[in-house]
PDB file of N, CA and C in Angstrom:
ATOM      1  N   ILE A   1      47.693 -70.973 -17.853  1.00  0.00           N
ATOM      2  CA  ILE A   1      48.243 -69.481 -17.287  1.00  0.00           C
ATOM      3  C   ILE A   1      48.619 -68.482 -17.759  1.00  0.00           C
ATOM      4  N   GLU A   2      49.133 -69.084 -19.023  1.00  0.00           N
ATOM      5  CA  GLU A   2      48.789 -67.764 -20.237  1.00  0.00           C
ATOM      6  C   GLU A   2      47.020 -67.026 -20.321  1.00  0.00           C
ATOM      7  N   LYS A   3      46.414 -68.003 -20.428  1.00  0.00           N
ATOM      8  CA  LYS A   3      44.658 -67.502 -20.301  1.00  0.00           C
ATOM      9  C   LYS A   3      44.839 -66.621 -19.405  1.00  0.00           C
ATOM     10  N   LEU A   4      44.907 -67.131 -17.892  1.00  0.00           N
ATOM     11  CA  LEU A   4      45.107 -66.036 -16.786  1.00  0.00           C
ATOM     12  C   LEU A   4      45.539 -64.709 -17.039  1.00  0.00           C
ATOM     13  N   ILE A   5      46.784 -64.880 -17.164  1.00  0.00           N
ATOM     14  CA  ILE A   5      47.581 -63.613 -17.728  1.00  0.00           C
ATOM     15  C   ILE A   5      47.085 -62.538 -18.580  1.00  0.00           C
ATOM     16  N   HIS A   6      46.302 -63.519 -19.381  1.00  0.00           N
ATOM     17  CA  HIS A   6      45.377 -62.728 -21.006  1.00  0.00           C
ATOM     18  C   HIS A   6      44.165 -61.992 -20.285  1.00  0.00           C
ATOM     19  N   GLU A   7      43.271 -62.373 -19.286  1.00  0.00           N
ATOM     20  CA  GLU A   7      42.193 -62.706 -18.978  1.00  0.00           C
ATOM     21  C   GLU A   7      42.753 -61.010 -17.727  1.00  0.00           C
ATOM     22  N   ALA A   8      43.809 -61.355 -16.895  1.00  0.00           N
ATOM     23  CA  ALA A   8      44.134 -60.418 -16.094  1.00  0.00           C
ATOM     24  C   ALA A   8      44.742 -59.015 -16.943  1.00  0.00           C
ATOM     25  N   GLU A   9      45.203 -59.115 -18.076  1.00  0.00           N
ATOM     26  CA  GLU A   9      46.065 -58.208 -18.989  1.00  0.00           C
ATOM     27  C   GLU A   9      44.688 -57.234 -19.365  1.00  0.00           C
ATOM     28  N   SER A  10      43.115 -58.125 -19.744  1.00  0.00           N
ATOM     29  CA  SER A  10      42.312 -57.528 -20.569  1.00  0.00           C
ATOM     30  C   SER A  10      41.601 -56.819 -19.539  1.00  0.00           C
ATOM     31  N   LEU A  11      41.127 -57.606 -18.254  1.00  0.00           N
ATOM     32  CA  LEU A  11      40.872 -56.973 -17.306  1.00  0.00           C
ATOM     33  C   LEU A  11      41.091 -55.644 -16.594  1.00  0.00           C
ATOM     34  N   ARG A  12      42.835 -55.249 -16.658  1.00  0.00           N
ATOM     35  CA  ARG A  12      43.675 -54.568 -16.347  1.00  0.00           C
ATOM     36  C   ARG A  12      42.859 -53.108 -17.530  1.00  0.00           C
ATOM     37  N   ALA A  13      43.203 -53.381 -18.382  1.00  0.00           N
ATOM     38  CA  ALA A  13      42.682 -52.667 -20.313  1.00  0.00           C
ATOM     39  C   ALA A  13      41.601 -52.048 -19.465  1.00  0.00           C
ATOM     40  N   GLU A  14      40.253 -52.879 -19.281  1.00  0.00           N
ATOM     41  CA  GLU A  14      39.463 -52.647 -19.351  1.00  0.00           C
ATOM     42  C   GLU A  14      38.851 -51.296 -18.136  1.00  0.00           C
ATOM     43  N   SER A  15      39.602 -52.059 -17.022  1.00  0.00           N
ATOM     44  CA  SER A  15      39.803 -50.968 -15.937  1.00  0.00           C
ATOM     45  C   SER A  15      40.176 -49.565 -16.325  1.00  0.00           C
ATOM     46  N   ARG A  16      41.663 -49.887 -16.927  1.00  0.00           N
ATOM     47  CA  ARG A  16      42.214 -48.735 -17.214  1.00  0.00           C
ATOM     48  C   ARG A  16      41.442 -47.540 -17.876  1.00  0.00           C
ATOM     49  N   LYS A  17      40.558 -48.332 -18.923  1.00  0.00           N
ATOM     50  CA  LYS A  17      39.684 -47.939 -19.888  1.00  0.00           C
ATOM     51  C   LYS A  17      38.509 -47.119 -19.464  1.00  0.00           C
ATOM     52  N   GLY A  18      37.899 -48.398 -18.564  1.00  0.00           N
ATOM     53  CA  GLY A  18      37.055 -47.569 -17.625  1.00  0.00           C
ATOM     54  C   GLY A  18      37.470 -46.482 -16.233  1.00  0.00           C
ATOM     55  N   GLU A  19      38.664 -46.495 -16.106  1.00  0.00           N
ATOM     56  CA  GLU A  19      38.993 -45.315 -15.113  1.00  0.00           C
ATOM     57  C   GLU A  19      39.249 -44.313 -15.812  1.00  0.00           C
ATOM     58  N   SER A  20      40.000 -44.462 -17.010  1.00  0.00           N
ATOM     59  CA  SER A  20      39.872 -42.966 -18.097  1.00  0.00           C
ATOM     60  C   SER A  20      38.541 -41.864 -18.609  1.00  0.00           C
ATOM     61  N   GLN A  21      37.607 -43.311 -18.976  1.00  0.00           N
ATOM     62  CA  GLN A  21      36.613 -43.142 -19.063  1.00  0.00           C
ATOM     63  C   GLN A  21      35.894 -42.009 -17.968  1.00  0.00           C
ATOM     64  N   ALA A  22      36.141 -42.599 -16.980  1.00  0.00           N
ATOM     65  CA  ALA A  22      35.304 -41.702 -15.662  1.00  0.00           C
ATOM     66  C   ALA A  22      35.926 -40.623 -15.469  1.00  0.00           C
ATOM     67  N   GLN A  23      37.389 -40.846 -15.969  1.00  0.00           N
ATOM     68  CA  GLN A  23      38.388 -39.285 -15.266  1.00  0.00           C
ATOM     69  C   GLN A  23      38.000 -38.477 -16.393  1.00  0.00           C
ATOM     70  N   ALA A  24      37.694 -38.718 -17.414  1.00  0.00           N
ATOM     71  CA  ALA A  24      36.660 -37.844 -18.651  1.00  0.00           C
ATOM     72  C   ALA A  24      35.956 -37.147 -18.021  1.00  0.00           C
ATOM     73  N   ALA A  25      34.876 -38.356 -17.855  1.00  0.00           N
ATOM     74  CA  ALA A  25      33.404 -36.935 -17.392  1.00  0.00           C
ATOM     75  C   ALA A  25      33.916 -36.733 -16.031  1.00  0.00           C
ATOM     76  N   TYR A  26      33.982 -36.943 -15.796  1.00  0.00           N
ATOM     77  CA  TYR A  26      34.448 -35.834 -14.055  1.00  0.00           C
ATOM     78  C   TYR A  26      34.984 -35.033 -14.496  1.00  0.00           C
ATOM     79  N   GLU A  27      35.904 -34.931 -15.209  1.00  0.00           N
ATOM     80  CA  GLU A  27      36.553 -33.592 -15.673  1.00  0.00           C
ATOM     81  C   GLU A  27      35.843 -32.865 -16.657  1.00  0.00           C
ATOM     82  N   GLN A  28      34.885 -33.570 -17.551  1.00  0.00           N
ATOM     83  CA  GLN A  28      33.872 -32.271 -18.286  1.00  0.00           C
ATOM     84  C   GLN A  28      32.793 -31.908 -17.363  1.00  0.00           C
ATOM     85  N   THR A  29      32.322 -33.141 -16.068  1.00  0.00           N
ATOM     86  CA  THR A  29      31.679 -32.084 -15.182  1.00  0.00           C
ATOM     87  C   THR A  29      31.917 -31.414 -14.341  1.00  0.00           C
ATOM     88  N   ILE A  30      33.497 -31.503 -14.135  1.00  0.00           N
ATOM     89  CA  ILE A  30      33.935 -29.991 -13.090  1.00  0.00           C
ATOM     90  C   ILE A  30      33.680 -28.698 -14.644  1.00  0.00           C
ATOM     91  N   ALA A  31      34.132 -29.390 -15.593  1.00  0.00           N
ATOM     92  CA  ALA A  31      34.194 -28.020 -16.380  1.00  0.00           C
ATOM     93  C   ALA A  31      33.109 -27.475 -16.560  1.00  0.00           C
ATOM     94  N   ASP A  32      32.162 -27.794 -17.358  1.00  0.00           N
ATOM     95  CA  ASP A  32      30.181 -27.662 -16.986  1.00  0.00           C
ATOM     96  C   ASP A  32      30.097 -26.685 -16.039  1.00  0.00           C
ATOM     97  N   THR A  33      30.325 -27.493 -14.771  1.00  0.00           N
ATOM     98  CA  THR A  33      29.816 -26.872 -13.623  1.00  0.00           C
ATOM     99  C   THR A  33      30.852 -25.221 -13.222  1.00  0.00           C
ATOM    100  N   ASN A  34      32.153 -25.565 -13.823  1.00  0.00           N
ATOM    101  CA  ASN A  34      32.720 -24.461 -13.390  1.00  0.00           C
ATOM    102  C   ASN A  34      32.057 -22.710 -14.402  1.00  0.00           C
ATOM    103  N   ALA A  35      31.743 -23.287 -15.757  1.00  0.00           N
ATOM    104  CA  ALA A  35      31.464 -22.553 -16.345  1.00  0.00           C
ATOM    105  C   ALA A  35      30.381 -21.876 -16.003  1.00  0.00           C
ATOM    106  N   SER A  36      28.943 -23.204 -15.487  1.00  0.00           N
ATOM    107  CA  SER A  36      27.681 -22.759 -14.764  1.00  0.00           C
ATOM    108  C   SER A  36      28.155 -21.607 -13.826  1.00  0.00           C
ATOM    109  N   VAL A  37      29.157 -21.873 -12.672  1.00  0.00           N
ATOM    110  CA  VAL A  37      29.098 -21.027 -11.918  1.00  0.00           C
ATOM    111  C   VAL A  37      29.618 -19.736 -12.497  1.00  0.00           C
ATOM    112  N   GLU A  38      30.581 -19.484 -13.423  1.00  0.00           N
ATOM    113  CA  GLU A  38      31.089 -17.869 -13.393  1.00  0.00           C
ATOM    114  C   GLU A  38      29.801 -17.645 -14.559  1.00  0.00           C
ATOM    115  N   ALA A  39      28.912 -18.232 -15.272  1.00  0.00           N
ATOM    116  CA  ALA A  39      27.661 -17.465 -16.108  1.00  0.00           C
ATOM    117  C   ALA A  39      26.895 -17.401 -14.557  1.00  0.00           C
ATOM    118  N   GLN A  40      26.745 -18.169 -14.015  1.00  0.00           N
ATOM    119  CA  GLN A  40      25.090 -17.213 -12.931  1.00  0.00           C
ATOM    120  C   GLN A  40      26.263 -16.352 -11.627  1.00  0.00           C
ATOM    121  N   GLN A  41      27.724 -16.449 -11.853  1.00  0.00           N
ATOM    122  CA  GLN A  41      28.006 -15.340 -11.175  1.00  0.00           C
ATOM    123  C   GLN A  41      28.041 -13.625 -11.977  1.00  0.00           C
ATOM    124  N   ARG A  42      27.854 -14.211 -13.304  1.00  0.00           N
ATOM    125  CA  ARG A  42      27.967 -12.865 -14.321  1.00  0.00           C
ATOM    126  C   ARG A  42      26.956 -12.265 -14.104  1.00  0.00           C
ATOM    127  N   GLU A  43      25.580 -12.814 -14.559  1.00  0.00           N
ATOM    128  CA  GLU A  43      24.096 -12.743 -13.975  1.00  0.00           C
ATOM    129  C   GLU A  43      23.684 -12.268 -13.099  1.00  0.00           C
ATOM    130  N   VAL A  44      24.411 -12.369 -12.101  1.00  0.00           N
ATOM    131  CA  VAL A  44      24.159 -11.777 -10.432  1.00  0.00           C
ATOM    132  C   VAL A  44      24.822 -10.622 -10.737  1.00  0.00           C
ATOM    133  N   THR A  45      26.155 -10.344 -11.112  1.00  0.00           N
ATOM    134  CA  THR A  45      26.908  -9.272 -11.315  1.00  0.00           C
ATOM    135  C   THR A  45      25.849  -8.747 -12.020  1.00  0.00           C
ATOM    136  N   THR A  46      25.282  -8.617 -13.116  1.00  0.00           N
ATOM    137  CA  THR A  46      24.326  -8.078 -14.306  1.00  0.00           C
ATOM    138  C   THR A  46      23.423  -7.339 -13.329  1.00  0.00           C
ATOM    139  N   ARG A  47      21.929  -8.109 -12.848  1.00  0.00           N
ATOM    140  CA  ARG A  47      21.105  -8.291 -12.218  1.00  0.00           C
ATOM    141  C   ARG A  47      21.736  -7.089 -11.227  1.00  0.00           C
ATOM    142  N   SER A  48      22.742  -7.228 -10.131  1.00  0.00           N
ATOM    143  CA  SER A  48      22.862  -6.032  -9.412  1.00  0.00           C
ATOM    144  C   SER A  48      23.085  -4.833  -9.728  1.00  0.00           C
ATOM    145  N   HIS A  49      24.054  -4.469 -10.999  1.00  0.00           N
ATOM    146  CA  HIS A  49      24.123  -3.391 -11.756  1.00  0.00           C
ATOM    147  C   HIS A  49      22.672  -2.850 -11.801  1.00  0.00           C
ATOM    148  N   ALA A  50      21.696  -3.750 -12.587  1.00  0.00           N
ATOM    149  CA  ALA A  50      20.307  -3.198 -13.327  1.00  0.00           C
ATOM    150  C   ALA A  50      20.181  -2.832 -12.036  1.00  0.00           C
ATOM    151  N   ARG A  51      20.096  -3.590 -10.436  1.00  0.00           N
ATOM    152  CA  ARG A  51      19.293  -3.266  -9.593  1.00  0.00           C
ATOM    153  C   ARG A  51      19.120  -1.714  -8.930  1.00  0.00           C
ATOM    154  N   ALA A  52      21.259  -1.722  -8.859  1.00  0.00           N
ATOM    155  CA  ALA A  52      21.401  -0.302  -8.582  1.00  0.00           C
ATOM    156  C   ALA A  52      20.862   1.076  -9.509  1.00  0.00           C
ATOM    157  N   GLN A  53      21.033   0.386 -10.937  1.00  0.00           N
ATOM    158  CA  GLN A  53      20.285   1.925 -11.444  1.00  0.00           C
ATOM    159  C   GLN A  53      19.527   1.853 -11.358  1.00  0.00           C
ATOM    160  N   ALA A  54      18.312   1.327 -11.335  1.00  0.00           N
ATOM    161  CA  ALA A  54      16.867   1.001 -10.560  1.00  0.00           C
ATOM    162  C   ALA A  54      16.716   1.853 -10.097  1.00  0.00           C
ATOM    163  N   MET A  55      17.436   1.854  -9.133  1.00  0.00           N
ATOM    164  CA  MET A  55      17.433   2.265  -7.840  1.00  0.00           C
ATOM    165  C   MET A  55      17.302   3.750  -8.105  1.00  0.00           C
ATOM    166  N   LYS A  56      18.818   3.924  -8.609  1.00  0.00           N
ATOM    167  CA  LYS A  56      18.761   5.122  -8.902  1.00  0.00           C
ATOM    168  C   LYS A  56      18.068   6.373  -9.964  1.00  0.00           C
ATOM    169  N   ASP A  57      17.323   5.190 -10.738  1.00  0.00           N
ATOM    170  CA  ASP A  57      16.371   5.986 -11.325  1.00  0.00           C
ATOM    171  C   ASP A  57      14.957   6.135 -10.401  1.00  0.00           C
ATOM    172  N   LYS A  58      14.941   5.414  -9.827  1.00  0.00           N
ATOM    173  CA  LYS A  58      14.089   5.513  -8.686  1.00  0.00           C
ATOM    174  C   LYS A  58      13.808   6.976  -8.218  1.00  0.00           C
ATOM    175  N   LEU A  59      15.030   6.926  -7.328  1.00  0.00           N
ATOM    176  CA  LEU A  59      15.455   8.228  -6.747  1.00  0.00           C
ATOM    177  C   LEU A  59      15.785   9.406  -7.431  1.00  0.00           C
ATOM    178  N   LEU A  60      15.644   9.606  -8.335  1.00  0.00           N
ATOM    179  CA  LEU A  60      15.496  10.886  -8.998  1.00  0.00           C
ATOM    180  C   LEU A  60      14.544  10.754 -10.035  1.00  0.00           C
ATOM    181  N   ALA A  61      13.093  10.385  -9.960  1.00  0.00           N
ATOM    182  CA  ALA A  61      12.254   9.733 -10.632  1.00  0.00           C
ATOM    183  C   ALA A  61      11.485  10.887  -9.054  1.00  0.00           C
ATOM    184  N   GLU A  62      11.352  10.444  -8.055  1.00  0.00           N
ATOM    185  CA  GLU A  62      11.105  10.673  -6.474  1.00  0.00           C
ATOM    186  C   GLU A  62      11.612  12.455  -6.810  1.00  0.00           C
ATOM    187  N   SER A  63      12.307  12.618  -6.987  1.00  0.00           N
ATOM    188  CA  SER A  63      13.344  13.563  -6.406  1.00  0.00           C
ATOM    189  C   SER A  63      12.218  14.875  -7.508  1.00  0.00           C
ATOM    190  N   ASP A  64      12.064  14.314  -8.603  1.00  0.00           N
ATOM    191  CA  ASP A  64      11.402  15.215 -10.250  1.00  0.00           C
ATOM    192  C   ASP A  64      10.166  15.090  -9.918  1.00  0.00           C
ATOM    193  N   HIS A  65       9.502  14.277  -8.798  1.00  0.00           N
ATOM    194  CA  HIS A  65       8.188  14.687  -8.706  1.00  0.00           C
ATOM    195  C   HIS A  65       7.848  15.252  -7.474  1.00  0.00           C
ATOM    196  N   ALA A  66       8.668  15.080  -6.468  1.00  0.00           N
ATOM    197  CA  ALA A  66       8.297  16.204  -5.596  1.00  0.00           C
ATOM    198  C   ALA A  66       9.056  17.862  -6.272  1.00  0.00           C
ATOM    199  N   ASP A  67       9.624  17.962  -6.694  1.00  0.00           N
ATOM    200  CA  ASP A  67       9.992  19.492  -7.529  1.00  0.00           C
ATOM    201  C   ASP A  67       8.639  19.679  -8.307  1.00  0.00           C
ATOM    202  N   THR A  68       7.919  18.978  -8.978  1.00  0.00           N
ATOM    203  CA  THR A  68       6.812  19.067  -9.427  1.00  0.00           C
ATOM    204  C   THR A  68       6.112  19.375  -8.858  1.00  0.00           C
ATOM    205  N   VAL A  69       5.573  18.640  -8.091  1.00  0.00           N
ATOM    206  CA  VAL A  69       4.741  18.713  -6.573  1.00  0.00           C
ATOM    207  C   VAL A  69       4.552  20.217  -6.072  1.00  0.00           C
ATOM    208  N   ARG A  70       6.032  20.528  -5.972  1.00  0.00           N
ATOM    209  CA  ARG A  70       6.098  21.973  -5.414  1.00  0.00           C
ATOM    210  C   ARG A  70       5.734  23.214  -6.349  1.00  0.00           C
ATOM    211  N   GLU A  71       5.815  22.673  -7.137  1.00  0.00           N
ATOM    212  CA  GLU A  71       6.322  23.883  -8.078  1.00  0.00           C
ATOM    213  C   GLU A  71       4.787  23.634  -8.436  1.00  0.00           C
ATOM    214  N   LEU A  72       3.868  22.494  -8.515  1.00  0.00           N
ATOM    215  CA  LEU A  72       2.471  22.862  -8.681  1.00  0.00           C
ATOM    216  C   LEU A  72       1.968  23.778  -7.483  1.00  0.00           C
ATOM    217  N   ASP A  73       2.014  23.518  -6.720  1.00  0.00           N
ATOM    218  CA  ASP A  73       1.744  24.261  -5.551  1.00  0.00           C
ATOM    219  C   ASP A  73       2.144  25.676  -5.399  1.00  0.00           C
ATOM    220  N   GLY A  74       3.332  26.134  -5.837  1.00  0.00           N
ATOM    221  CA  GLY A  74       3.339  27.243  -6.164  1.00  0.00           C
ATOM    222  C   GLY A  74       2.961  27.942  -6.985  1.00  0.00           C
ATOM    223  N   LEU A  75       2.101  27.475  -8.657  1.00  0.00           N
ATOM    224  CA  LEU A  75       1.820  27.759  -9.397  1.00  0.00           C
ATOM    225  C   LEU A  75      -0.127  27.816  -8.957  1.00  0.00           C
ATOM    226  N   ALA A  76      -0.399  26.791  -8.288  1.00  0.00           N
ATOM    227  CA  ALA A  76      -1.838  27.290  -7.605  1.00  0.00           C
ATOM    228  C   ALA A  76      -1.323  28.260  -6.864  1.00  0.00           C
ATOM    229  N   LYS A  77      -0.910  28.493  -5.974  1.00  0.00           N
ATOM    230  CA  LYS A  77      -0.816  29.903  -4.999  1.00  0.00           C
ATOM    231  C   LYS A  77      -1.219  30.737  -5.713  1.00  0.00           C
ATOM    232  N   TYR A  78       0.225  30.632  -7.030  1.00  0.00           N
ATOM    233  CA  TYR A  78      -0.180  32.519  -7.574  1.00  0.00           C
ATOM    234  C   TYR A  78      -1.614  31.994  -8.880  1.00  0.00           C
ATOM    235  N   ASN A  79      -2.035  31.533  -8.875  1.00  0.00           N
ATOM    236  CA  ASN A  79      -3.688  30.980  -9.159  1.00  0.00           C
ATOM    237  C   ASN A  79      -4.025  31.908  -8.710  1.00  0.00           C
ATOM    238  N   GLY A  80      -4.665  31.305  -7.603  1.00  0.00           N
ATOM    239  CA  GLY A  80      -5.426  32.139  -6.422  1.00  0.00           C
ATOM    240  C   GLY A  80      -5.480  33.702  -6.139  1.00  0.00           C
ATOM    241  N   GLU A  81      -3.792  33.822  -6.221  1.00  0.00           N
ATOM    242  CA  GLU A  81      -3.449  35.622  -6.068  1.00  0.00           C
ATOM    243  C   GLU A  81      -3.957  36.152  -6.819  1.00  0.00           C
ATOM    244  N   LEU A  82      -3.980  35.313  -8.343  1.00  0.00           N
ATOM    245  CA  LEU A  82      -4.456  36.445  -9.715  1.00  0.00           C
ATOM    246  C   LEU A  82      -5.767  36.684  -9.155  1.00  0.00           C
ATOM    247  N   HIS A  83      -6.495  34.987  -8.968  1.00  0.00           N
ATOM    248  CA  HIS A  83      -8.238  35.275  -9.325  1.00  0.00           C
ATOM    249  C   HIS A  83      -8.383  36.535  -8.476  1.00  0.00           C
ATOM    250  N   SER A  84      -8.018  36.232  -6.939  1.00  0.00           N
ATOM    251  CA  SER A  84      -7.830  37.044  -6.442  1.00  0.00           C
ATOM    252  C   SER A  84      -8.522  38.686  -6.531  1.00  0.00           C
ATOM    253  N   SER A  85      -7.122  39.168  -7.110  1.00  0.00           N
ATOM    254  CA  SER A  85      -6.315  40.345  -7.929  1.00  0.00           C
ATOM    255  C   SER A  85      -7.813  40.930  -8.797  1.00  0.00           C
ATOM    256  N   CYS A  86      -8.683  39.440 -10.247  1.00  0.00           N
ATOM    257  CA  CYS A  86      -8.686  40.134 -10.623  1.00  0.00           C
ATOM    258  C   CYS A  86     -10.637  40.044 -10.620  1.00  0.00           C
ATOM    259  N   ASP A  87     -10.702  39.357  -9.205  1.00  0.00           N
ATOM    260  CA  ASP A  87     -12.291  39.339  -8.671  1.00  0.00           C
ATOM    261  C   ASP A  87     -12.490  41.051  -8.405  1.00  0.00           C
ATOM    262  N   TYR A  88     -11.212  41.390  -7.816  1.00  0.00           N
ATOM    263  CA  TYR A  88     -11.370  42.876  -7.276  1.00  0.00           C
ATOM    264  C   TYR A  88     -11.470  43.970  -7.895  1.00  0.00           C
ATOM    265  N   PHE A  89     -10.693  43.834  -9.170  1.00  0.00           N
ATOM    266  CA  PHE A  89     -11.012  44.654 -10.786  1.00  0.00           C
ATOM    267  C   PHE A  89     -12.564  44.340 -11.139  1.00  0.00           C
ATOM    268  N   LEU A  90     -12.818  43.086 -11.149  1.00  0.00           N
ATOM    269  CA  LEU A  90     -14.139  42.683 -12.060  1.00  0.00           C
ATOM    270  C   LEU A  90     -15.490  43.044 -11.033  1.00  0.00           C
ATOM    271  N   LYS A  91     -15.240  43.646  -9.463  1.00  0.00           N
ATOM    272  CA  LYS A  91     -16.074  43.708  -8.776  1.00  0.00           C
ATOM    273  C   LYS A  91     -16.223  45.270  -8.500  1.00  0.00           C
ATOM    274  N   ASN A  92     -15.199  46.023  -9.068  1.00  0.00           N
ATOM    275  CA  ASN A  92     -14.943  47.620  -9.171  1.00  0.00           C
ATOM    276  C   ASN A  92     -15.103  48.029 -10.184  1.00  0.00           C
ATOM    277  N   PHE A  93     -15.400  47.189 -11.570  1.00  0.00           N
ATOM    278  CA  PHE A  93     -15.055  47.642 -12.620  1.00  0.00           C
ATOM    279  C   PHE A  93     -15.863  49.052 -12.873  1.00  0.00           C
ATOM    280  N   GLU A  94     -17.490  48.322 -12.189  1.00  0.00           N
ATOM    281  CA  GLU A  94     -18.743  49.777 -12.206  1.00  0.00           C
ATOM    282  C   GLU A  94     -18.164  50.703 -11.947  1.00  0.00           C
ATOM    283  N   VAL A  95     -17.755  50.699 -11.183  1.00  0.00           N
ATOM    284  CA  VAL A  95     -17.521  52.156 -10.346  1.00  0.00           C
ATOM    285  C   VAL A  95     -16.270  52.652 -10.092  1.00  0.00           C
ATOM    286  N   ARG A  96     -15.711  51.753 -11.241  1.00  0.00           N
ATOM    287  CA  ARG A  96     -14.376  52.678 -11.427  1.00  0.00           C
ATOM    288  C   ARG A  96     -14.464  53.077 -12.645  1.00  0.00           C
ATOM    289  N   GLN A  97     -15.502  52.721 -13.589  1.00  0.00           N
ATOM    290  CA  GLN A  97     -15.855  53.089 -15.117  1.00  0.00           C
ATOM    291  C   GLN A  97     -16.665  54.452 -14.361  1.00  0.00           C
ATOM    292  N   SER A  98     -17.451  54.401 -13.715  1.00  0.00           N
ATOM    293  CA  SER A  98     -18.366  55.747 -13.470  1.00  0.00           C
ATOM    294  C   SER A  98     -17.746  56.561 -12.943  1.00  0.00           C
ATOM    295  N   GLY A  99     -16.265  56.261 -11.990  1.00  0.00           N
ATOM    296  CA  GLY A  99     -15.428  57.591 -12.105  1.00  0.00           C
ATOM    297  C   GLY A  99     -14.679  57.868 -12.996  1.00  0.00           C
ATOM    298  N   ARG A 100     -14.372  57.133 -13.669  1.00  0.00           N
ATOM    299  CA  ARG A 100     -13.391  57.810 -14.908  1.00  0.00           C
ATOM    300  C   ARG A 100     -14.319  58.278 -16.056  1.00  0.00           C
ATOM    301  N   GLN A 101     -15.788  58.330 -16.179  1.00  0.00           N
ATOM    302  CA  GLN A 101     -16.475  58.985 -16.338  1.00  0.00           C
ATOM    303  C   GLN A 101     -16.984  60.388 -16.394  1.00  0.00           C
ATOM    304  N   ALA A 102     -17.024  60.290 -15.500  1.00  0.00           N
ATOM    305  CA  ALA A 102     -17.064  61.707 -14.393  1.00  0.00           C
ATOM    306  C   ALA A 102     -15.538  62.247 -13.999  1.00  0.00           C
ATOM    307  N   GLU A 103     -14.852  61.452 -14.204  1.00  0.00           N
ATOM    308  CA  GLU A 103     -13.430  62.801 -14.675  1.00  0.00           C
ATOM    309  C   GLU A 103     -13.083  62.761 -15.921  1.00  0.00           C
ATOM    310  N   ILE A 104     -13.798  62.103 -16.967  1.00  0.00           N
ATOM    311  CA  ILE A 104     -13.645  62.786 -18.083  1.00  0.00           C
ATOM    312  C   ILE A 104     -14.431  63.646 -18.645  1.00  0.00           C
ATOM    313  N   GLU A 105     -15.961  63.726 -17.670  1.00  0.00           N
ATOM    314  CA  GLU A 105     -16.834  64.929 -18.076  1.00  0.00           C
ATOM    315  C   GLU A 105     -15.908  66.351 -17.484  1.00  0.00           C
ATOM    316  N   ALA A 106     -15.655  65.971 -15.770  1.00  0.00           N
ATOM    317  CA  ALA A 106     -14.748  67.116 -15.388  1.00  0.00           C
ATOM    318  C   ALA A 106     -13.575  67.670 -16.236  1.00  0.00           C
ATOM    319  N   LEU A 107     -12.747  67.285 -16.547  1.00  0.00           N
ATOM    320  CA  LEU A 107     -12.315  67.489 -17.880  1.00  0.00           C
ATOM    321  C   LEU A 107     -12.496  68.046 -19.216  1.00  0.00           C
ATOM    322  N   GLN A 108     -13.612  67.745 -19.533  1.00  0.00           N
ATOM    323  CA  GLN A 108     -14.055  68.270 -20.510  1.00  0.00           C
ATOM    324  C   GLN A 108     -14.416  69.846 -20.405  1.00  0.00           C
ATOM    325  N   GLN A 109     -15.323  70.107 -19.162  1.00  0.00           N
ATOM    326  CA  GLN A 109     -15.990  71.331 -18.771  1.00  0.00           C
ATOM    327  C   GLN A 109     -14.774  72.116 -18.292  1.00  0.00           C
ATOM    328  N   ALA A 110     -13.567  71.687 -18.131  1.00  0.00           N
ATOM    329  CA  ALA A 110     -12.506  72.133 -17.456  1.00  0.00           C
ATOM    330  C   ALA A 110     -11.714  73.050 -19.032  1.00  0.00           C
ATOM    331  N   LYS A 111     -11.724  71.732 -20.098  1.00  0.00           N
ATOM    332  CA  LYS A 111     -11.123  72.619 -21.330  1.00  0.00           C
ATOM    333  C   LYS A 111     -12.145  73.675 -21.575  1.00  0.00           C
ATOM    334  N   GLN A 112     -13.636  73.392 -21.976  1.00  0.00           N
ATOM    335  CA  GLN A 112     -14.584  74.310 -21.924  1.00  0.00           C
ATOM    336  C   GLN A 112     -14.263  75.406 -21.576  1.00  0.00           C
ATOM    337  N   ILE A 113     -14.013  75.876 -20.322  1.00  0.00           N
ATOM    338  CA  ILE A 113     -13.968  76.884 -19.002  1.00  0.00           C
ATOM    339  C   ILE A 113     -12.581  77.602 -19.419  1.00  0.00           C
ATOM    340  N   LEU A 114     -11.497  76.434 -19.476  1.00  0.00           N
ATOM    341  CA  LEU A 114     -10.070  77.468 -20.337  1.00  0.00           C
ATOM    342  C   LEU A 114     -10.791  77.822 -21.991  1.00  0.00           C
ATOM    343  N   SER A 115     -11.296  77.058 -22.476  1.00  0.00           N
ATOM    344  CA  SER A 115     -11.571  77.417 -23.998  1.00  0.00           C
ATOM    345  C   SER A 115     -11.887  79.340 -23.579  1.00  0.00           C
ATOM    346  N   GLY A 116     -12.727  78.914 -22.846  1.00  0.00           N
ATOM    347  CA  GLY A 116     -13.556  80.348 -23.086  1.00  0.00           C
ATOM    348  C   GLY A 116     -13.208  81.127 -22.363  1.00  0.00           C
ATOM    349  N   ALA A 117     -11.856  80.788 -21.431  1.00  0.00           N
ATOM    350  CA  ALA A 117     -11.481  81.853 -20.378  1.00  0.00           C
ATOM    351  C   ALA A 117     -10.429  82.716 -21.799  1.00  0.00           C
ATOM    352  N   ALA A 118      -9.801  81.602 -22.213  1.00  0.00           N
ATOM    353  CA  ALA A 118      -8.646  81.528 -23.422  1.00  0.00           C
ATOM    354  C   ALA A 118      -9.061  82.861 -23.801  1.00  0.00           C
ATOM    355  N   LEU A 119     -10.661  82.788 -24.847  1.00  0.00           N
ATOM    356  CA  LEU A 119     -11.610  83.342 -25.870  1.00  0.00           C
ATOM    357  C   LEU A 119     -11.174  84.921 -25.641  1.00  0.00           C
ATOM    358  N   SER A 120     -11.837  85.472 -23.982  1.00  0.00           N
ATOM    359  CA  SER A 120     -12.745  86.545 -23.689  1.00  0.00           C
ATOM    360  C   SER A 120     -11.550  86.895 -23.667  1.00  0.00           C
TER     361      SER A 120
END
């Protein structure tokens, strides 16, 4: 009977030891799982913030791009206007040059007449 009592106590001790080991393993698994969940939640939060910043940067870049395109269109229009203005001056340069030359000659003749009239 003492042998049976000793075996029962031995089985009971092994059983308690096994149960406490299983409980410790379970608690470690729960702790590891909780840590993993928290890490993944932090990762989700970090990625959400990064995505929001990326979207904000994208919208800003698109706005800047649209402004730049508008500015380039305005500059192209201004360039066209300057080009047509320059073309007008280049086209009429010879006519204006000969008109200026005739005007200079007329002024010189008037000056000579006035000089001659003033001397006489």
